[in-house]
Amino acid sequence: MIPIFALCIPMVVVWTKHKQKIAELQLHTTANDTAERAAQYAAQVQKLEDRVRVLERIVTDGGYNVATQIEALRDTRKVEENNSGIPLDLPTKERVQ
């Protein structure tokens, strides 16, 4: 019984080292994936911050002009809701002389 136990100890040691090495490789792979995702998120956040800066500049520089354009769009919606105006899909075209 003791010789069998003595022969099993090296196998357990080899198996334990193998499991430890696999765990280290998984940890390394997870760390690399996490770092890559963090870099992608940082780049995406930077792009969004740049877009917000541009939008803030547009709103603060021409605030009155933007408000006028918004009101013009609202007026266009009212015209479309009331079905007023000229339809774009006329069956016959008007002759110009």
PDB file of N, CA and C in Angstrom:
ATOM      1  N   MET A   1       0.810  -1.189   0.000  1.00  0.00           N
ATOM      2  CA  MET A   1       0.000   0.000   0.000  1.00  0.00           C
ATOM      3  C   MET A   1       0.858   1.260   0.000  1.00  0.00           C
ATOM      4  N   ILE A   2       1.894   1.269   0.764  1.00  0.00           N
ATOM      5  CA  ILE A   2       2.789   2.420   0.816  1.00  0.00           C
ATOM      6  C   ILE A   2       3.471   2.646  -0.534  1.00  0.00           C
ATOM      7  N   PRO A   3       3.934   1.601  -1.257  1.00  0.00           N
ATOM      8  CA  PRO A   3       4.543   1.852  -2.567  1.00  0.00           C
ATOM      9  C   PRO A   3       3.556   2.464  -3.563  1.00  0.00           C
ATOM     10  N   ILE A   4       2.304   2.067  -3.505  1.00  0.00           N
ATOM     11  CA  ILE A   4       1.308   2.646  -4.415  1.00  0.00           C
ATOM     12  C   ILE A   4       1.123   4.129  -4.098  1.00  0.00           C
ATOM     13  N   PHE A   5       1.051   4.454  -2.820  1.00  0.00           N
ATOM     14  CA  PHE A   5       0.918   5.840  -2.405  1.00  0.00           C
ATOM     15  C   PHE A   5       2.141   6.645  -2.831  1.00  0.00           C
ATOM     16  N   ALA A   6       3.318   6.055  -2.707  1.00  0.00           N
ATOM     17  CA  ALA A   6       4.559   6.728  -3.096  1.00  0.00           C
ATOM     18  C   ALA A   6       4.598   6.985  -4.598  1.00  0.00           C
ATOM     19  N   LEU A   7       4.024   6.100  -5.394  1.00  0.00           N
ATOM     20  CA  LEU A   7       3.994   6.304  -6.841  1.00  0.00           C
ATOM     21  C   LEU A   7       2.932   7.333  -7.256  1.00  0.00           C
ATOM     22  N   CYS A   8       1.906   7.508  -6.454  1.00  0.00           N
ATOM     23  CA  CYS A   8       0.835   8.460  -6.779  1.00  0.00           C
ATOM     24  C   CYS A   8       1.235   9.905  -6.492  1.00  0.00           C
ATOM     25  N   ILE A   9       2.139  10.117  -5.564  1.00  0.00           N
ATOM     26  CA  ILE A   9       2.534  11.482  -5.197  1.00  0.00           C
ATOM     27  C   ILE A   9       3.100  12.249  -6.400  1.00  0.00           C
ATOM     28  N   PRO A  10       4.029  11.708  -7.198  1.00  0.00           N
ATOM     29  CA  PRO A  10       4.531  12.471  -8.352  1.00  0.00           C
ATOM     30  C   PRO A  10       3.432  12.797  -9.372  1.00  0.00           C
ATOM     31  N   MET A  11       2.478  11.881  -9.537  1.00  0.00           N
ATOM     32  CA  MET A  11       1.393  12.159 -10.486  1.00  0.00           C
ATOM     33  C   MET A  11       0.530  13.324  -9.991  1.00  0.00           C
ATOM     34  N   VAL A  12       0.284  13.373  -8.694  1.00  0.00           N
ATOM     35  CA  VAL A  12      -0.502  14.473  -8.123  1.00  0.00           C
ATOM     36  C   VAL A  12       0.255  15.788  -8.274  1.00  0.00           C
ATOM     37  N   VAL A  13       1.566  15.759  -8.072  1.00  0.00           N
ATOM     38  CA  VAL A  13       2.376  16.970  -8.212  1.00  0.00           C
ATOM     39  C   VAL A  13       2.334  17.473  -9.652  1.00  0.00           C
ATOM     40  N   VAL A  14       2.486  16.581 -10.612  1.00  0.00           N
ATOM     41  CA  VAL A  14       2.443  16.969 -12.028  1.00  0.00           C
ATOM     42  C   VAL A  14       1.066  17.526 -12.380  1.00  0.00           C
ATOM     43  N   TRP A  15       0.021  16.869 -11.919  1.00  0.00           N
ATOM     44  CA  TRP A  15      -1.343  17.319 -12.205  1.00  0.00           C
ATOM     45  C   TRP A  15      -1.603  18.706 -11.594  1.00  0.00           C
ATOM     46  N   THR A  16      -1.111  18.928 -10.364  1.00  0.00           N
ATOM     47  CA  THR A  16      -1.293  20.210  -9.683  1.00  0.00           C
ATOM     48  C   THR A  16      -0.558  21.327 -10.420  1.00  0.00           C
ATOM     49  N   LYS A  17       0.679  21.058 -10.860  1.00  0.00           N
ATOM     50  CA  LYS A  17       1.435  22.066 -11.613  1.00  0.00           C
ATOM     51  C   LYS A  17       0.734  22.401 -12.930  1.00  0.00           C
ATOM     52  N   HIS A  18       0.188  21.381 -13.568  1.00  0.00           N
ATOM     53  CA  HIS A  18      -0.517  21.589 -14.831  1.00  0.00           C
ATOM     54  C   HIS A  18      -1.752  22.474 -14.614  1.00  0.00           C
ATOM     55  N   LYS A  19      -2.518  22.193 -13.575  1.00  0.00           N
ATOM     56  CA  LYS A  19      -3.707  22.997 -13.266  1.00  0.00           C
ATOM     57  C   LYS A  19      -3.318  24.441 -12.948  1.00  0.00           C
ATOM     58  N   GLN A  20      -2.203  24.614 -12.226  1.00  0.00           N
ATOM     59  CA  GLN A  20      -1.744  25.954 -11.879  1.00  0.00           C
ATOM     60  C   GLN A  20      -1.342  26.728 -13.134  1.00  0.00           C
ATOM     61  N   LYS A  21      -0.660  26.058 -14.051  1.00  0.00           N
ATOM     62  CA  LYS A  21      -0.237  26.704 -15.290  1.00  0.00           C
ATOM     63  C   LYS A  21      -1.451  27.104 -16.137  1.00  0.00           C
ATOM     64  N   ILE A  22      -2.456  26.249 -16.203  1.00  0.00           N
ATOM     65  CA  ILE A  22      -3.678  26.566 -16.950  1.00  0.00           C
ATOM     66  C   ILE A  22      -4.371  27.774 -16.320  1.00  0.00           C
ATOM     67  N   ALA A  23      -4.424  27.833 -15.001  1.00  0.00           N
ATOM     68  CA  ALA A  23      -5.056  28.958 -14.312  1.00  0.00           C
ATOM     69  C   ALA A  23      -4.313  30.259 -14.603  1.00  0.00           C
ATOM     70  N   GLU A  24      -2.977  30.208 -14.617  1.00  0.00           N
ATOM     71  CA  GLU A  24      -2.187  31.399 -14.927  1.00  0.00           C
ATOM     72  C   GLU A  24      -2.427  31.865 -16.361  1.00  0.00           C
ATOM     73  N   LEU A  25      -2.506  30.928 -17.303  1.00  0.00           N
ATOM     74  CA  LEU A  25      -2.773  31.292 -18.696  1.00  0.00           C
ATOM     75  C   LEU A  25      -4.159  31.916 -18.846  1.00  0.00           C
ATOM     76  N   GLN A  26      -5.141  31.369 -18.151  1.00  0.00           N
ATOM     77  CA  GLN A  26      -6.487  31.944 -18.210  1.00  0.00           C
ATOM     78  C   GLN A  26      -6.508  33.350 -17.617  1.00  0.00           C
ATOM     79  N   LEU A  27      -5.789  33.546 -16.533  1.00  0.00           N
ATOM     80  CA  LEU A  27      -5.704  34.861 -15.913  1.00  0.00           C
ATOM     81  C   LEU A  27      -5.049  35.861 -16.857  1.00  0.00           C
ATOM     82  N   HIS A  28      -3.981  35.445 -17.515  1.00  0.00           N
ATOM     83  CA  HIS A  28      -3.273  36.308 -18.465  1.00  0.00           C
ATOM     84  C   HIS A  28      -4.181  36.671 -19.635  1.00  0.00           C
ATOM     85  N   THR A  29      -4.904  35.699 -20.155  1.00  0.00           N
ATOM     86  CA  THR A  29      -5.817  35.941 -21.276  1.00  0.00           C
ATOM     87  C   THR A  29      -6.938  36.887 -20.868  1.00  0.00           C
ATOM     88  N   THR A  30      -7.483  36.684 -19.692  1.00  0.00           N
ATOM     89  CA  THR A  30      -8.548  37.559 -19.199  1.00  0.00           C
ATOM     90  C   THR A  30      -8.035  38.982 -19.014  1.00  0.00           C
ATOM     91  N   ALA A  31      -6.827  39.128 -18.503  1.00  0.00           N
ATOM     92  CA  ALA A  31      -6.249  40.458 -18.312  1.00  0.00           C
ATOM     93  C   ALA A  31      -6.050  41.159 -19.651  1.00  0.00           C
ATOM     94  N   ASN A  32      -5.579  40.428 -20.659  1.00  0.00           N
ATOM     95  CA  ASN A  32      -5.392  41.031 -21.982  1.00  0.00           C
ATOM     96  C   ASN A  32      -6.725  41.460 -22.587  1.00  0.00           C
ATOM     97  N   ASP A  33      -7.740  40.612 -22.463  1.00  0.00           N
ATOM     98  CA  ASP A  33      -9.067  40.956 -22.990  1.00  0.00           C
ATOM     99  C   ASP A  33      -9.632  42.188 -22.293  1.00  0.00           C
ATOM    100  N   THR A  34      -9.451  42.245 -20.984  1.00  0.00           N
ATOM    101  CA  THR A  34      -9.955  43.383 -20.219  1.00  0.00           C
ATOM    102  C   THR A  34      -9.238  44.663 -20.624  1.00  0.00           C
ATOM    103  N   ALA A  35      -7.938  44.599 -20.814  1.00  0.00           N
ATOM    104  CA  ALA A  35      -7.183  45.780 -21.225  1.00  0.00           C
ATOM    105  C   ALA A  35      -7.610  46.243 -22.615  1.00  0.00           C
ATOM    106  N   GLU A  36      -7.854  45.303 -23.504  1.00  0.00           N
ATOM    107  CA  GLU A  36      -8.289  45.654 -24.855  1.00  0.00           C
ATOM    108  C   GLU A  36      -9.664  46.320 -24.831  1.00  0.00           C
ATOM    109  N   ARG A  37     -10.568  45.773 -24.046  1.00  0.00           N
ATOM    110  CA  ARG A  37     -11.904  46.378 -23.927  1.00  0.00           C
ATOM    111  C   ARG A  37     -11.821  47.768 -23.317  1.00  0.00           C
ATOM    112  N   ALA A  38     -10.973  47.926 -22.311  1.00  0.00           N
ATOM    113  CA  ALA A  38     -10.822  49.236 -21.674  1.00  0.00           C
ATOM    114  C   ALA A  38     -10.314  50.263 -22.677  1.00  0.00           C
ATOM    115  N   ALA A  39      -9.387  49.863 -23.536  1.00  0.00           N
ATOM    116  CA  ALA A  39      -8.878  50.776 -24.558  1.00  0.00           C
ATOM    117  C   ALA A  39      -9.977  51.141 -25.554  1.00  0.00           C
ATOM    118  N   GLN A  40     -10.793  50.167 -25.941  1.00  0.00           N
ATOM    119  CA  GLN A  40     -11.901  50.451 -26.860  1.00  0.00           C
ATOM    120  C   GLN A  40     -12.909  51.391 -26.212  1.00  0.00           C
ATOM    121  N   TYR A  41     -13.236  51.158 -24.948  1.00  0.00           N
ATOM    122  CA  TYR A  41     -14.181  52.027 -24.255  1.00  0.00           C
ATOM    123  C   TYR A  41     -13.619  53.440 -24.120  1.00  0.00           C
ATOM    124  N   ALA A  42     -12.328  53.545 -23.840  1.00  0.00           N
ATOM    125  CA  ALA A  42     -11.713  54.866 -23.715  1.00  0.00           C
ATOM    126  C   ALA A  42     -11.777  55.618 -25.041  1.00  0.00           C
ATOM    127  N   ALA A  43     -11.523  54.925 -26.141  1.00  0.00           N
ATOM    128  CA  ALA A  43     -11.602  55.568 -27.452  1.00  0.00           C
ATOM    129  C   ALA A  43     -13.030  55.998 -27.757  1.00  0.00           C
ATOM    130  N   GLN A  44     -13.990  55.158 -27.412  1.00  0.00           N
ATOM    131  CA  GLN A  44     -15.394  55.491 -27.664  1.00  0.00           C
ATOM    132  C   GLN A  44     -15.825  56.683 -26.805  1.00  0.00           C
ATOM    133  N   VAL A  45     -15.400  56.718 -25.561  1.00  0.00           N
ATOM    134  CA  VAL A  45     -15.730  57.837 -24.682  1.00  0.00           C
ATOM    135  C   VAL A  45     -15.116  59.121 -25.228  1.00  0.00           C
ATOM    136  N   GLN A  46     -13.893  59.043 -25.732  1.00  0.00           N
ATOM    137  CA  GLN A  46     -13.239  60.225 -26.291  1.00  0.00           C
ATOM    138  C   GLN A  46     -14.016  60.755 -27.490  1.00  0.00           C
ATOM    139  N   LYS A  47     -14.471  59.857 -28.366  1.00  0.00           N
ATOM    140  CA  LYS A  47     -15.264  60.281 -29.528  1.00  0.00           C
ATOM    141  C   LYS A  47     -16.556  60.959 -29.085  1.00  0.00           C
ATOM    142  N   LEU A  48     -17.219  60.372 -28.087  1.00  0.00           N
ATOM    143  CA  LEU A  48     -18.468  60.957 -27.600  1.00  0.00           C
ATOM    144  C   LEU A  48     -18.233  62.319 -26.955  1.00  0.00           C
ATOM    145  N   GLU A  49     -17.143  62.455 -26.216  1.00  0.00           N
ATOM    146  CA  GLU A  49     -16.822  63.751 -25.619  1.00  0.00           C
ATOM    147  C   GLU A  49     -16.569  64.795 -26.693  1.00  0.00           C
ATOM    148  N   ASP A  50     -15.878  64.413 -27.762  1.00  0.00           N
ATOM    149  CA  ASP A  50     -15.645  65.344 -28.867  1.00  0.00           C
ATOM    150  C   ASP A  50     -16.960  65.773 -29.504  1.00  0.00           C
ATOM    151  N   ARG A  51     -17.867  64.831 -29.693  1.00  0.00           N
ATOM    152  CA  ARG A  51     -19.165  65.164 -30.287  1.00  0.00           C
ATOM    153  C   ARG A  51     -19.953  66.104 -29.382  1.00  0.00           C
ATOM    154  N   VAL A  52     -19.915  65.859 -28.078  1.00  0.00           N
ATOM    155  CA  VAL A  52     -20.628  66.731 -27.142  1.00  0.00           C
ATOM    156  C   VAL A  52     -20.038  68.134 -27.177  1.00  0.00           C
ATOM    157  N   ARG A  53     -18.712  68.240 -27.258  1.00  0.00           N
ATOM    158  CA  ARG A  53     -18.079  69.560 -27.349  1.00  0.00           C
ATOM    159  C   ARG A  53     -18.553  70.314 -28.586  1.00  0.00           C
ATOM    160  N   VAL A  54     -18.616  69.612 -29.713  1.00  0.00           N
ATOM    161  CA  VAL A  54     -19.072  70.247 -30.950  1.00  0.00           C
ATOM    162  C   VAL A  54     -20.516  70.703 -30.802  1.00  0.00           C
ATOM    163  N   LEU A  55     -21.366  69.840 -30.253  1.00  0.00           N
ATOM    164  CA  LEU A  55     -22.770  70.220 -30.069  1.00  0.00           C
ATOM    165  C   LEU A  55     -22.913  71.394 -29.106  1.00  0.00           C
ATOM    166  N   GLU A  56     -22.131  71.409 -28.043  1.00  0.00           N
ATOM    167  CA  GLU A  56     -22.174  72.539 -27.116  1.00  0.00           C
ATOM    168  C   GLU A  56     -21.750  73.824 -27.809  1.00  0.00           C
ATOM    169  N   ARG A  57     -20.722  73.736 -28.636  1.00  0.00           N
ATOM    170  CA  ARG A  57     -20.258  74.908 -29.372  1.00  0.00           C
ATOM    171  C   ARG A  57     -21.343  75.414 -30.321  1.00  0.00           C
ATOM    172  N   ILE A  58     -22.023  74.488 -30.999  1.00  0.00           N
ATOM    173  CA  ILE A  58     -23.084  74.884 -31.925  1.00  0.00           C
ATOM    174  C   ILE A  58     -24.208  75.585 -31.167  1.00  0.00           C
ATOM    175  N   VAL A  59     -24.597  75.028 -30.041  1.00  0.00           N
ATOM    176  CA  VAL A  59     -25.712  75.598 -29.286  1.00  0.00           C
ATOM    177  C   VAL A  59     -25.340  76.938 -28.676  1.00  0.00           C
ATOM    178  N   THR A  60     -24.147  77.065 -28.141  1.00  0.00           N
ATOM    179  CA  THR A  60     -23.782  78.318 -27.478  1.00  0.00           C
ATOM    180  C   THR A  60     -23.423  79.412 -28.470  1.00  0.00           C
ATOM    181  N   ASP A  61     -22.811  79.071 -29.598  1.00  0.00           N
ATOM    182  CA  ASP A  61     -22.423  80.102 -30.562  1.00  0.00           C
ATOM    183  C   ASP A  61     -23.622  80.654 -31.323  1.00  0.00           C
ATOM    184  N   GLY A  62     -24.485  79.798 -31.786  1.00  0.00           N
ATOM    185  CA  GLY A  62     -25.621  80.269 -32.572  1.00  0.00           C
ATOM    186  C   GLY A  62     -26.921  79.862 -31.937  1.00  0.00           C
ATOM    187  N   GLY A  63     -27.087  80.143 -30.656  1.00  0.00           N
ATOM    188  CA  GLY A  63     -28.279  79.711 -29.944  1.00  0.00           C
ATOM    189  C   GLY A  63     -29.560  80.236 -30.552  1.00  0.00           C
ATOM    190  N   TYR A  64     -29.551  81.493 -30.936  1.00  0.00           N
ATOM    191  CA  TYR A  64     -30.768  82.075 -31.515  1.00  0.00           C
ATOM    192  C   TYR A  64     -31.070  81.435 -32.853  1.00  0.00           C
ATOM    193  N   ASN A  65     -30.043  81.211 -33.656  1.00  0.00           N
ATOM    194  CA  ASN A  65     -30.232  80.606 -34.978  1.00  0.00           C
ATOM    195  C   ASN A  65     -30.784  79.189 -34.849  1.00  0.00           C
ATOM    196  N   VAL A  66     -30.292  78.431 -33.896  1.00  0.00           N
ATOM    197  CA  VAL A  66     -30.782  77.062 -33.696  1.00  0.00           C
ATOM    198  C   VAL A  66     -32.249  77.089 -33.285  1.00  0.00           C
ATOM    199  N   ALA A  67     -32.602  78.009 -32.400  1.00  0.00           N
ATOM    200  CA  ALA A  67     -34.002  78.115 -31.978  1.00  0.00           C
ATOM    201  C   ALA A  67     -34.892  78.456 -33.162  1.00  0.00           C
ATOM    202  N   THR A  68     -34.429  79.328 -34.033  1.00  0.00           N
ATOM    203  CA  THR A  68     -35.197  79.686 -35.228  1.00  0.00           C
ATOM    204  C   THR A  68     -35.370  78.480 -36.136  1.00  0.00           C
ATOM    205  N   GLN A  69     -34.320  77.700 -36.311  1.00  0.00           N
ATOM    206  CA  GLN A  69     -34.406  76.509 -37.160  1.00  0.00           C
ATOM    207  C   GLN A  69     -35.365  75.482 -36.565  1.00  0.00           C
ATOM    208  N   ILE A  70     -35.362  75.329 -35.259  1.00  0.00           N
ATOM    209  CA  ILE A  70     -36.279  74.387 -34.613  1.00  0.00           C
ATOM    210  C   ILE A  70     -37.719  74.829 -34.830  1.00  0.00           C
ATOM    211  N   GLU A  71     -37.977  76.119 -34.680  1.00  0.00           N
ATOM    212  CA  GLU A  71     -39.335  76.620 -34.906  1.00  0.00           C
ATOM    213  C   GLU A  71     -39.750  76.424 -36.359  1.00  0.00           C
ATOM    214  N   ALA A  72     -38.827  76.592 -37.292  1.00  0.00           N
ATOM    215  CA  ALA A  72     -39.143  76.374 -38.704  1.00  0.00           C
ATOM    216  C   ALA A  72     -39.510  74.913 -38.945  1.00  0.00           C
ATOM    217  N   LEU A  73     -38.813  74.004 -38.288  1.00  0.00           N
ATOM    218  CA  LEU A  73     -39.150  72.587 -38.420  1.00  0.00           C
ATOM    219  C   LEU A  73     -40.524  72.289 -37.830  1.00  0.00           C
ATOM    220  N   ARG A  74     -40.843  72.929 -36.735  1.00  0.00           N
ATOM    221  CA  ARG A  74     -42.172  72.729 -36.143  1.00  0.00           C
ATOM    222  C   ARG A  74     -43.256  73.216 -37.097  1.00  0.00           C
ATOM    223  N   ASP A  75     -43.013  74.360 -37.752  1.00  0.00           N
ATOM    224  CA  ASP A  75     -43.983  74.875 -38.720  1.00  0.00           C
ATOM    225  C   ASP A  75     -44.152  73.901 -39.871  1.00  0.00           C
ATOM    226  N   THR A  76     -43.067  73.285 -40.333  1.00  0.00           N
ATOM    227  CA  THR A  76     -43.133  72.311 -41.422  1.00  0.00           C
ATOM    228  C   THR A  76     -43.971  71.115 -41.000  1.00  0.00           C
ATOM    229  N   ARG A  77     -43.826  70.682 -39.771  1.00  0.00           N
ATOM    230  CA  ARG A  77     -44.622  69.550 -39.280  1.00  0.00           C
ATOM    231  C   ARG A  77     -46.108  69.896 -39.263  1.00  0.00           C
ATOM    232  N   LYS A  78     -46.445  71.123 -38.887  1.00  0.00           N
ATOM    233  CA  LYS A  78     -47.850  71.529 -38.869  1.00  0.00           C
ATOM    234  C   LYS A  78     -48.434  71.488 -40.269  1.00  0.00           C
ATOM    235  N   VAL A  79     -47.667  71.924 -41.256  1.00  0.00           N
ATOM    236  CA  VAL A  79     -48.136  71.907 -42.642  1.00  0.00           C
ATOM    237  C   VAL A  79     -48.368  70.472 -43.083  1.00  0.00           C
ATOM    238  N   GLU A  80     -47.460  69.584 -42.742  1.00  0.00           N
ATOM    239  CA  GLU A  80     -47.600  68.181 -43.136  1.00  0.00           C
ATOM    240  C   GLU A  80     -48.776  67.514 -42.421  1.00  0.00           C
ATOM    241  N   GLU A  81     -49.011  67.861 -41.162  1.00  0.00           N
ATOM    242  CA  GLU A  81     -50.118  67.269 -40.416  1.00  0.00           C
ATOM    243  C   GLU A  81     -51.466  67.693 -40.987  1.00  0.00           C
ATOM    244  N   ASN A  82     -51.553  68.916 -41.475  1.00  0.00           N
ATOM    245  CA  ASN A  82     -52.813  69.435 -42.014  1.00  0.00           C
ATOM    246  C   ASN A  82     -53.029  69.032 -43.464  1.00  0.00           C
ATOM    247  N   ASN A  83     -52.098  68.287 -44.031  1.00  0.00           N
ATOM    248  CA  ASN A  83     -52.158  67.878 -45.434  1.00  0.00           C
ATOM    249  C   ASN A  83     -52.284  69.075 -46.366  1.00  0.00           C
ATOM    250  N   SER A  84     -51.666  70.149 -46.004  1.00  0.00           N
ATOM    251  CA  SER A  84     -51.670  71.307 -46.886  1.00  0.00           C
ATOM    252  C   SER A  84     -50.356  71.345 -47.643  1.00  0.00           C
ATOM    253  N   GLY A  85     -50.319  72.091 -48.688  1.00  0.00           N
ATOM    254  CA  GLY A  85     -49.133  72.158 -49.523  1.00  0.00           C
ATOM    255  C   GLY A  85     -49.352  71.378 -50.795  1.00  0.00           C
ATOM    256  N   ILE A  86     -48.324  71.250 -51.592  1.00  0.00           N
ATOM    257  CA  ILE A  86     -48.408  70.573 -52.882  1.00  0.00           C
ATOM    258  C   ILE A  86     -47.868  69.162 -52.724  1.00  0.00           C
ATOM    259  N   PRO A  87     -48.636  68.140 -53.144  1.00  0.00           N
ATOM    260  CA  PRO A  87     -48.106  66.776 -53.060  1.00  0.00           C
ATOM    261  C   PRO A  87     -46.960  66.585 -54.045  1.00  0.00           C
ATOM    262  N   LEU A  88     -45.994  65.808 -53.660  1.00  0.00           N
ATOM    263  CA  LEU A  88     -44.816  65.610 -54.501  1.00  0.00           C
ATOM    264  C   LEU A  88     -45.028  64.562 -55.578  1.00  0.00           C
ATOM    265  N   ASP A  89     -45.996  63.702 -55.435  1.00  0.00           N
ATOM    266  CA  ASP A  89     -46.197  62.636 -56.411  1.00  0.00           C
ATOM    267  C   ASP A  89     -47.397  62.943 -57.318  1.00  0.00           C
ATOM    268  N   LEU A  90     -47.280  64.005 -58.084  1.00  0.00           N
ATOM    269  CA  LEU A  90     -48.342  64.387 -59.016  1.00  0.00           C
ATOM    270  C   LEU A  90     -48.369  63.416 -60.188  1.00  0.00           C
ATOM    271  N   PRO A  91     -49.569  62.968 -60.631  1.00  0.00           N
ATOM    272  CA  PRO A  91     -49.625  62.032 -61.759  1.00  0.00           C
ATOM    273  C   PRO A  91     -49.224  62.689 -63.079  1.00  0.00           C
ATOM    274  N   THR A  92     -49.556  63.920 -63.255  1.00  0.00           N
ATOM    275  CA  THR A  92     -49.154  64.624 -64.485  1.00  0.00           C
ATOM    276  C   THR A  92     -48.397  65.868 -64.091  1.00  0.00           C
ATOM    277  N   LYS A  93     -47.457  66.213 -64.921  1.00  0.00           N
ATOM    278  CA  LYS A  93     -46.653  67.390 -64.630  1.00  0.00           C
ATOM    279  C   LYS A  93     -47.274  68.613 -65.284  1.00  0.00           C
ATOM    280  N   GLU A  94     -47.053  69.702 -64.689  1.00  0.00           N
ATOM    281  CA  GLU A  94     -47.570  70.969 -65.177  1.00  0.00           C
ATOM    282  C   GLU A  94     -46.704  71.450 -66.335  1.00  0.00           C
ATOM    283  N   ARG A  95     -47.336  71.964 -67.373  1.00  0.00           N
ATOM    284  CA  ARG A  95     -46.579  72.484 -68.517  1.00  0.00           C
ATOM    285  C   ARG A  95     -46.251  73.949 -68.280  1.00  0.00           C
ATOM    286  N   VAL A  96     -45.012  74.262 -68.504  1.00  0.00           N
ATOM    287  CA  VAL A  96     -44.574  75.643 -68.355  1.00  0.00           C
ATOM    288  C   VAL A  96     -44.404  76.229 -69.743  1.00  0.00           C
ATOM    289  N   GLN A  97     -45.046  77.389 -70.016  1.00  0.00           N
ATOM    290  CA  GLN A  97     -44.949  78.005 -71.354  1.00  0.00           C
ATOM    291  C   GLN A  97     -44.226  79.305 -71.313  1.00  0.00           C
TER     292      GLN A  97
END
